[in-house]
N, C-alpha and C. Protein backbone atom coordinates (compact mmCIF):
# COMPACT_ATOMS: atom_id res chain seq x y z
N UNK A 1 55.69 98.51 -101.44
CA UNK A 1 55.67 97.67 -100.27
C UNK A 1 55.96 98.46 -98.99
N UNK A 2 56.63 99.59 -99.11
CA UNK A 2 56.94 100.37 -97.91
C UNK A 2 55.67 100.83 -97.21
N UNK A 3 54.72 101.35 -97.99
CA UNK A 3 53.46 101.79 -97.42
C UNK A 3 52.69 100.63 -96.82
N UNK A 4 52.79 99.51 -97.47
CA UNK A 4 52.15 98.28 -97.02
C UNK A 4 52.73 97.87 -95.67
N UNK A 5 54.04 97.90 -95.56
CA UNK A 5 54.69 97.52 -94.31
C UNK A 5 54.36 98.49 -93.18
N UNK A 6 54.24 99.74 -93.49
CA UNK A 6 53.88 100.75 -92.48
C UNK A 6 52.52 100.43 -91.87
N UNK A 7 51.58 100.05 -92.68
CA UNK A 7 50.24 99.69 -92.16
C UNK A 7 50.33 98.46 -91.27
N UNK A 8 51.07 97.45 -91.71
CA UNK A 8 51.23 96.23 -90.92
C UNK A 8 51.83 96.58 -89.55
N UNK A 9 52.86 97.43 -89.56
CA UNK A 9 53.48 97.84 -88.29
C UNK A 9 52.49 98.57 -87.40
N UNK A 10 51.61 99.36 -88.00
CA UNK A 10 50.58 100.05 -87.21
C UNK A 10 49.69 99.06 -86.47
N UNK A 11 49.34 97.96 -87.13
CA UNK A 11 48.55 96.92 -86.46
C UNK A 11 49.37 96.25 -85.37
N UNK A 12 50.63 95.94 -85.67
CA UNK A 12 51.49 95.29 -84.67
C UNK A 12 51.68 96.17 -83.44
N UNK A 13 51.74 97.46 -83.65
CA UNK A 13 51.97 98.40 -82.54
C UNK A 13 50.68 98.87 -81.89
N UNK A 14 49.55 98.35 -82.41
CA UNK A 14 48.23 98.63 -81.86
C UNK A 14 47.92 100.13 -81.81
N UNK A 15 48.20 100.82 -82.90
CA UNK A 15 47.97 102.27 -82.91
C UNK A 15 46.59 102.65 -83.43
N UNK A 16 45.86 101.68 -84.00
CA UNK A 16 44.59 101.98 -84.63
C UNK A 16 43.40 101.76 -83.70
N UNK A 17 42.42 102.66 -83.82
CA UNK A 17 41.11 102.38 -83.26
C UNK A 17 40.45 101.39 -84.21
N UNK A 18 39.32 100.87 -83.83
CA UNK A 18 38.64 99.90 -84.69
C UNK A 18 38.27 100.52 -86.04
N UNK A 19 37.79 101.74 -86.03
CA UNK A 19 37.41 102.40 -87.29
C UNK A 19 38.65 102.71 -88.14
N UNK A 20 39.70 103.19 -87.50
CA UNK A 20 40.96 103.45 -88.23
C UNK A 20 41.51 102.16 -88.82
N UNK A 21 41.37 101.07 -88.07
CA UNK A 21 41.85 99.77 -88.54
C UNK A 21 41.10 99.33 -89.79
N UNK A 22 39.80 99.58 -89.81
CA UNK A 22 39.01 99.21 -91.01
C UNK A 22 39.49 99.98 -92.24
N UNK A 23 39.75 101.26 -92.06
CA UNK A 23 40.25 102.06 -93.18
C UNK A 23 41.66 101.61 -93.57
N UNK A 24 42.48 101.32 -92.58
CA UNK A 24 43.85 100.88 -92.86
C UNK A 24 43.87 99.54 -93.60
N UNK A 25 43.00 98.63 -93.19
CA UNK A 25 42.99 97.32 -93.83
C UNK A 25 42.46 97.42 -95.26
N UNK A 26 41.53 98.34 -95.51
CA UNK A 26 41.06 98.57 -96.88
C UNK A 26 42.19 99.11 -97.75
N UNK A 27 42.96 100.04 -97.21
CA UNK A 27 44.10 100.60 -97.93
C UNK A 27 45.14 99.52 -98.17
N UNK A 28 45.41 98.72 -97.17
CA UNK A 28 46.37 97.63 -97.29
C UNK A 28 45.94 96.64 -98.36
N UNK A 29 44.67 96.33 -98.36
CA UNK A 29 44.15 95.38 -99.36
C UNK A 29 44.35 95.92 -100.77
N UNK A 30 44.06 97.20 -100.96
CA UNK A 30 44.25 97.80 -102.28
C UNK A 30 45.73 97.77 -102.68
N UNK A 31 46.62 98.09 -101.74
CA UNK A 31 48.05 98.05 -102.04
C UNK A 31 48.50 96.66 -102.45
N UNK A 32 48.00 95.66 -101.75
CA UNK A 32 48.39 94.28 -102.07
C UNK A 32 47.82 93.86 -103.42
N UNK A 33 46.58 94.22 -103.69
CA UNK A 33 45.98 93.90 -105.00
C UNK A 33 46.79 94.57 -106.11
N UNK A 34 47.19 95.81 -105.91
CA UNK A 34 48.01 96.52 -106.92
C UNK A 34 49.39 95.88 -107.08
N UNK A 35 49.88 95.26 -106.04
CA UNK A 35 51.20 94.63 -106.03
C UNK A 35 51.20 93.29 -106.77
N UNK A 36 50.07 92.60 -106.77
CA UNK A 36 50.01 91.23 -107.27
C UNK A 36 50.47 91.09 -108.72
N UNK A 37 49.96 91.90 -109.61
CA UNK A 37 50.28 91.72 -111.03
C UNK A 37 51.78 91.90 -111.32
N UNK A 38 52.40 92.99 -110.87
CA UNK A 38 53.84 93.10 -111.12
C UNK A 38 54.64 91.97 -110.45
N UNK A 39 54.22 91.56 -109.27
CA UNK A 39 54.94 90.47 -108.60
C UNK A 39 54.76 89.16 -109.35
N UNK A 40 53.55 88.89 -109.83
CA UNK A 40 53.30 87.67 -110.62
C UNK A 40 54.15 87.68 -111.89
N UNK A 41 54.24 88.83 -112.54
CA UNK A 41 55.08 88.92 -113.73
C UNK A 41 56.53 88.62 -113.37
N UNK A 42 56.98 89.14 -112.24
CA UNK A 42 58.34 88.90 -111.76
C UNK A 42 58.57 87.40 -111.54
N UNK A 43 57.67 86.74 -110.81
CA UNK A 43 57.86 85.32 -110.51
C UNK A 43 57.74 84.47 -111.76
N UNK A 44 56.86 84.83 -112.67
CA UNK A 44 56.74 84.07 -113.92
C UNK A 44 58.03 84.14 -114.73
N UNK A 45 58.64 85.31 -114.78
CA UNK A 45 59.91 85.45 -115.50
C UNK A 45 61.00 84.60 -114.86
N UNK A 46 61.02 84.60 -113.55
CA UNK A 46 62.01 83.75 -112.87
C UNK A 46 61.78 82.28 -113.21
N UNK A 47 60.54 81.85 -113.05
CA UNK A 47 60.23 80.44 -113.21
C UNK A 47 60.28 79.97 -114.66
N UNK A 48 59.96 80.82 -115.61
CA UNK A 48 59.91 80.42 -117.00
C UNK A 48 61.21 80.69 -117.77
N UNK A 49 61.99 81.65 -117.30
CA UNK A 49 63.19 82.04 -118.05
C UNK A 49 64.47 81.79 -117.24
N UNK A 50 64.57 82.44 -116.08
CA UNK A 50 65.81 82.39 -115.31
C UNK A 50 66.09 81.00 -114.73
N UNK A 51 65.15 80.42 -114.03
CA UNK A 51 65.40 79.15 -113.37
C UNK A 51 65.77 78.03 -114.34
N UNK A 52 65.07 77.90 -115.47
CA UNK A 52 65.49 76.85 -116.42
C UNK A 52 66.92 77.05 -116.94
N UNK A 53 67.31 78.30 -117.16
CA UNK A 53 68.68 78.55 -117.63
C UNK A 53 69.70 78.13 -116.57
N UNK A 54 69.45 78.53 -115.34
CA UNK A 54 70.39 78.18 -114.26
C UNK A 54 70.38 76.69 -113.94
N UNK A 55 69.21 76.07 -114.02
CA UNK A 55 69.11 74.67 -113.62
C UNK A 55 69.95 73.75 -114.52
N UNK A 56 70.26 74.18 -115.72
CA UNK A 56 71.14 73.38 -116.59
C UNK A 56 72.51 73.21 -115.95
N UNK A 57 72.90 74.15 -115.13
CA UNK A 57 74.23 74.13 -114.51
C UNK A 57 74.21 73.70 -113.04
N UNK A 58 73.17 74.08 -112.32
CA UNK A 58 73.17 73.82 -110.88
C UNK A 58 72.10 72.83 -110.45
N UNK A 59 71.27 72.39 -111.37
CA UNK A 59 70.19 71.46 -111.04
C UNK A 59 68.99 72.18 -110.44
N UNK A 60 67.92 71.42 -110.32
CA UNK A 60 66.70 72.01 -109.75
C UNK A 60 66.06 71.11 -108.71
N UNK A 61 66.84 70.18 -108.18
CA UNK A 61 66.34 69.27 -107.15
C UNK A 61 66.50 69.86 -105.75
N UNK A 62 67.48 70.72 -105.58
CA UNK A 62 67.75 71.37 -104.29
C UNK A 62 68.49 72.67 -104.57
N UNK A 63 68.72 73.44 -103.55
CA UNK A 63 69.49 74.67 -103.70
C UNK A 63 68.64 75.89 -103.91
N UNK A 64 69.24 76.96 -104.46
CA UNK A 64 68.57 78.26 -104.52
C UNK A 64 67.31 78.28 -105.37
N UNK A 65 67.29 77.53 -106.45
CA UNK A 65 66.09 77.54 -107.30
C UNK A 65 64.90 76.97 -106.53
N UNK A 66 65.10 75.85 -105.87
CA UNK A 66 64.02 75.24 -105.10
C UNK A 66 63.56 76.19 -103.98
N UNK A 67 64.53 76.81 -103.30
CA UNK A 67 64.19 77.73 -102.21
C UNK A 67 63.36 78.90 -102.72
N UNK A 68 63.74 79.46 -103.86
CA UNK A 68 63.00 80.61 -104.39
C UNK A 68 61.61 80.20 -104.86
N UNK A 69 61.50 79.03 -105.47
CA UNK A 69 60.18 78.55 -105.90
C UNK A 69 59.27 78.31 -104.69
N UNK A 70 59.84 77.77 -103.62
CA UNK A 70 59.05 77.57 -102.40
C UNK A 70 58.60 78.90 -101.81
N UNK A 71 59.47 79.91 -101.90
CA UNK A 71 59.09 81.24 -101.41
C UNK A 71 57.96 81.81 -102.25
N UNK A 72 57.98 81.59 -103.55
CA UNK A 72 56.88 82.05 -104.41
C UNK A 72 55.56 81.47 -103.89
N UNK A 73 55.56 80.17 -103.60
CA UNK A 73 54.35 79.51 -103.11
C UNK A 73 53.93 80.05 -101.74
N UNK A 74 54.91 80.27 -100.88
CA UNK A 74 54.63 80.79 -99.54
C UNK A 74 54.02 82.20 -99.62
N UNK A 75 54.58 83.04 -100.48
CA UNK A 75 54.06 84.40 -100.66
C UNK A 75 52.63 84.34 -101.19
N UNK A 76 52.41 83.50 -102.19
CA UNK A 76 51.05 83.34 -102.73
C UNK A 76 50.07 82.92 -101.65
N UNK A 77 50.49 82.01 -100.78
CA UNK A 77 49.60 81.52 -99.72
C UNK A 77 49.26 82.63 -98.74
N UNK A 78 50.27 83.38 -98.30
CA UNK A 78 50.00 84.46 -97.35
C UNK A 78 49.10 85.53 -97.96
N UNK A 79 49.40 85.92 -99.19
CA UNK A 79 48.60 86.95 -99.84
C UNK A 79 47.18 86.44 -100.09
N UNK A 80 47.08 85.20 -100.56
CA UNK A 80 45.76 84.61 -100.82
C UNK A 80 44.92 84.54 -99.56
N UNK A 81 45.52 84.16 -98.45
CA UNK A 81 44.80 84.07 -97.18
C UNK A 81 44.33 85.45 -96.73
N UNK A 82 45.23 86.42 -96.84
CA UNK A 82 44.86 87.79 -96.47
C UNK A 82 43.70 88.28 -97.33
N UNK A 83 43.79 88.11 -98.64
CA UNK A 83 42.75 88.59 -99.54
C UNK A 83 41.42 87.87 -99.30
N UNK A 84 41.50 86.59 -99.04
CA UNK A 84 40.27 85.82 -98.76
C UNK A 84 39.54 86.37 -97.54
N UNK A 85 40.30 86.65 -96.49
CA UNK A 85 39.67 87.09 -95.24
C UNK A 85 39.32 88.58 -95.23
N UNK A 86 39.73 89.30 -96.24
CA UNK A 86 39.37 90.73 -96.32
C UNK A 86 38.42 90.99 -97.49
N UNK A 87 37.90 89.93 -98.07
CA UNK A 87 36.95 90.07 -99.17
C UNK A 87 35.59 90.42 -98.60
N UNK A 88 34.96 91.39 -99.21
CA UNK A 88 33.61 91.74 -98.78
C UNK A 88 33.58 92.73 -97.63
N UNK A 89 32.49 92.69 -96.90
CA UNK A 89 32.23 93.64 -95.81
C UNK A 89 33.04 93.28 -94.57
N UNK A 90 33.85 94.22 -94.12
CA UNK A 90 34.70 93.98 -92.96
C UNK A 90 34.13 94.60 -91.69
N UNK A 91 32.90 95.08 -91.76
CA UNK A 91 32.28 95.70 -90.58
C UNK A 91 32.09 94.72 -89.44
N UNK A 92 32.00 93.43 -89.78
CA UNK A 92 31.79 92.42 -88.74
C UNK A 92 33.08 91.97 -88.07
N UNK A 93 34.22 92.39 -88.61
CA UNK A 93 35.50 91.99 -88.02
C UNK A 93 35.84 92.87 -86.82
N UNK A 94 36.25 92.23 -85.75
CA UNK A 94 36.71 92.98 -84.59
C UNK A 94 38.13 93.48 -84.86
N UNK A 95 38.60 94.37 -84.02
CA UNK A 95 39.97 94.87 -84.14
C UNK A 95 40.96 93.71 -84.05
N UNK A 96 40.71 92.77 -83.14
CA UNK A 96 41.61 91.61 -83.00
C UNK A 96 41.59 90.74 -84.25
N UNK A 97 40.43 90.53 -84.84
CA UNK A 97 40.35 89.73 -86.06
C UNK A 97 41.10 90.42 -87.20
N UNK A 98 40.96 91.74 -87.31
CA UNK A 98 41.69 92.46 -88.35
C UNK A 98 43.20 92.36 -88.11
N UNK A 99 43.61 92.49 -86.86
CA UNK A 99 45.02 92.39 -86.52
C UNK A 99 45.55 91.01 -86.88
N UNK A 100 44.77 89.98 -86.61
CA UNK A 100 45.19 88.61 -86.94
C UNK A 100 45.33 88.41 -88.45
N UNK A 101 44.39 88.94 -89.21
CA UNK A 101 44.44 88.80 -90.67
C UNK A 101 45.63 89.56 -91.25
N UNK A 102 45.92 90.71 -90.71
CA UNK A 102 47.02 91.53 -91.21
C UNK A 102 48.37 90.83 -91.00
N UNK A 103 48.43 89.90 -90.06
CA UNK A 103 49.68 89.16 -89.84
C UNK A 103 50.11 88.43 -91.11
N UNK A 104 49.14 87.97 -91.91
CA UNK A 104 49.49 87.31 -93.18
C UNK A 104 50.19 88.28 -94.12
N UNK A 105 49.72 89.52 -94.17
CA UNK A 105 50.38 90.52 -95.02
C UNK A 105 51.79 90.80 -94.51
N UNK A 106 51.95 90.82 -93.19
CA UNK A 106 53.28 91.03 -92.61
C UNK A 106 54.22 89.89 -92.93
N UNK A 107 53.71 88.67 -92.85
CA UNK A 107 54.54 87.50 -93.19
C UNK A 107 54.92 87.53 -94.66
N UNK A 108 53.97 87.87 -95.53
CA UNK A 108 54.27 87.97 -96.96
C UNK A 108 55.36 89.01 -97.19
N UNK A 109 55.26 90.15 -96.52
CA UNK A 109 56.26 91.20 -96.66
C UNK A 109 57.65 90.68 -96.28
N UNK A 110 57.73 89.95 -95.18
CA UNK A 110 59.02 89.43 -94.73
C UNK A 110 59.59 88.42 -95.72
N UNK A 111 58.75 87.52 -96.21
CA UNK A 111 59.24 86.51 -97.17
C UNK A 111 59.68 87.19 -98.46
N UNK A 112 58.93 88.18 -98.93
CA UNK A 112 59.29 88.90 -100.14
C UNK A 112 60.62 89.62 -99.95
N UNK A 113 60.79 90.26 -98.82
CA UNK A 113 62.04 90.98 -98.55
C UNK A 113 63.23 90.02 -98.57
N UNK A 114 63.11 88.90 -97.88
CA UNK A 114 64.18 87.90 -97.86
C UNK A 114 64.41 87.35 -99.26
N UNK A 115 63.33 87.13 -99.99
CA UNK A 115 63.41 86.63 -101.37
C UNK A 115 64.25 87.57 -102.23
N UNK A 116 63.97 88.86 -102.15
CA UNK A 116 64.72 89.83 -102.96
C UNK A 116 66.19 89.89 -102.55
N UNK A 117 66.46 89.75 -101.27
CA UNK A 117 67.85 89.73 -100.81
C UNK A 117 68.57 88.52 -101.37
N UNK A 118 67.92 87.36 -101.37
CA UNK A 118 68.52 86.15 -101.94
C UNK A 118 68.80 86.32 -103.43
N UNK A 119 67.87 86.94 -104.13
CA UNK A 119 68.10 87.17 -105.56
C UNK A 119 69.36 88.01 -105.76
N UNK A 120 69.45 89.08 -105.01
CA UNK A 120 70.57 90.02 -105.18
C UNK A 120 71.90 89.41 -104.74
N UNK A 121 71.89 88.67 -103.65
CA UNK A 121 73.16 88.21 -103.09
C UNK A 121 73.58 86.81 -103.56
N UNK A 122 72.63 86.01 -104.04
CA UNK A 122 72.97 84.64 -104.45
C UNK A 122 72.71 84.41 -105.94
N UNK A 123 71.49 84.67 -106.38
CA UNK A 123 71.10 84.30 -107.74
C UNK A 123 71.77 85.19 -108.78
N UNK A 124 71.75 86.51 -108.59
CA UNK A 124 72.35 87.39 -109.59
C UNK A 124 73.84 87.13 -109.75
N UNK A 125 74.61 86.99 -108.65
CA UNK A 125 76.02 86.64 -108.83
C UNK A 125 76.20 85.26 -109.49
N UNK A 126 75.28 84.33 -109.20
CA UNK A 126 75.34 83.01 -109.81
C UNK A 126 75.15 83.11 -111.33
N UNK A 127 74.26 83.99 -111.76
CA UNK A 127 74.05 84.20 -113.19
C UNK A 127 75.35 84.69 -113.83
N UNK A 128 75.99 85.64 -113.21
CA UNK A 128 77.23 86.21 -113.75
C UNK A 128 78.35 85.18 -113.77
N UNK A 129 78.42 84.37 -112.72
CA UNK A 129 79.52 83.42 -112.61
C UNK A 129 79.27 82.08 -113.29
N UNK A 130 78.03 81.78 -113.63
CA UNK A 130 77.70 80.47 -114.16
C UNK A 130 77.33 80.48 -115.64
N UNK A 131 76.48 81.42 -116.03
CA UNK A 131 76.02 81.44 -117.42
C UNK A 131 77.10 82.00 -118.35
N UNK A 132 77.13 81.45 -119.55
CA UNK A 132 78.03 81.99 -120.57
C UNK A 132 77.54 83.38 -120.97
N UNK A 133 78.42 84.17 -121.53
CA UNK A 133 78.08 85.55 -121.93
C UNK A 133 76.89 85.56 -122.88
N UNK A 134 76.85 84.64 -123.83
CA UNK A 134 75.72 84.60 -124.78
C UNK A 134 74.41 84.31 -124.05
N UNK A 135 74.48 83.45 -123.03
CA UNK A 135 73.28 83.14 -122.25
C UNK A 135 72.87 84.34 -121.40
N UNK A 136 73.85 85.04 -120.85
CA UNK A 136 73.55 86.25 -120.07
C UNK A 136 72.88 87.29 -120.96
N UNK A 137 73.38 87.43 -122.19
CA UNK A 137 72.76 88.38 -123.12
C UNK A 137 71.33 87.97 -123.45
N UNK A 138 71.13 86.68 -123.70
CA UNK A 138 69.79 86.17 -123.99
C UNK A 138 68.86 86.40 -122.80
N UNK A 139 69.36 86.11 -121.61
CA UNK A 139 68.58 86.30 -120.39
C UNK A 139 68.20 87.77 -120.22
N UNK A 140 69.17 88.66 -120.41
CA UNK A 140 68.90 90.09 -120.28
C UNK A 140 67.83 90.53 -121.27
N UNK A 141 67.92 90.04 -122.48
CA UNK A 141 66.94 90.41 -123.51
C UNK A 141 65.55 89.91 -123.14
N UNK A 142 65.46 88.70 -122.65
CA UNK A 142 64.15 88.12 -122.29
C UNK A 142 63.55 88.72 -121.02
N UNK A 143 64.41 89.15 -120.11
CA UNK A 143 63.91 89.70 -118.85
C UNK A 143 63.59 91.18 -118.93
N UNK A 144 64.19 91.89 -119.86
CA UNK A 144 63.99 93.34 -119.93
C UNK A 144 62.72 93.71 -120.66
N UNK A 145 61.63 93.23 -120.14
CA UNK A 145 60.32 93.66 -120.59
C UNK A 145 59.59 94.15 -119.36
N UNK A 146 58.62 94.97 -119.56
CA UNK A 146 57.90 95.57 -118.43
C UNK A 146 57.24 94.50 -117.57
N UNK A 147 57.30 94.69 -116.25
CA UNK A 147 56.61 93.77 -115.34
C UNK A 147 55.35 94.41 -114.79
N UNK A 148 54.99 95.56 -115.28
CA UNK A 148 53.77 96.21 -114.78
C UNK A 148 52.66 96.07 -115.80
């Protein structure tokens, strides 16, 4: 994601010529496509394993689980919109149009970053403080599979 964010910042700072922007957006698209599968595996594990375990104790009508699930949807929407508008030949896109489309990738990056911070600062401590040791062991076993 660092390389991805660097490209987004380049568009925000208007450092690209139109031709450089076309190359940058192609690179960005490839980075995002490569990111999708590991991220989907990550979100599936949260939604299928972690959230159901936690929801037994904290519920799933409001709170961190709902917030994280909404972020998953928001990230999907931003990435989907970016990919849709960068599909095919981009020679017809102006520099401004490319800059506008890249904003979706920037928004996705921000939501993902906040999402990971919430996991680390709220959800992971909640797992330690809420789940029984046997449940933590089960969770660790189920989550420790490759996400790539």
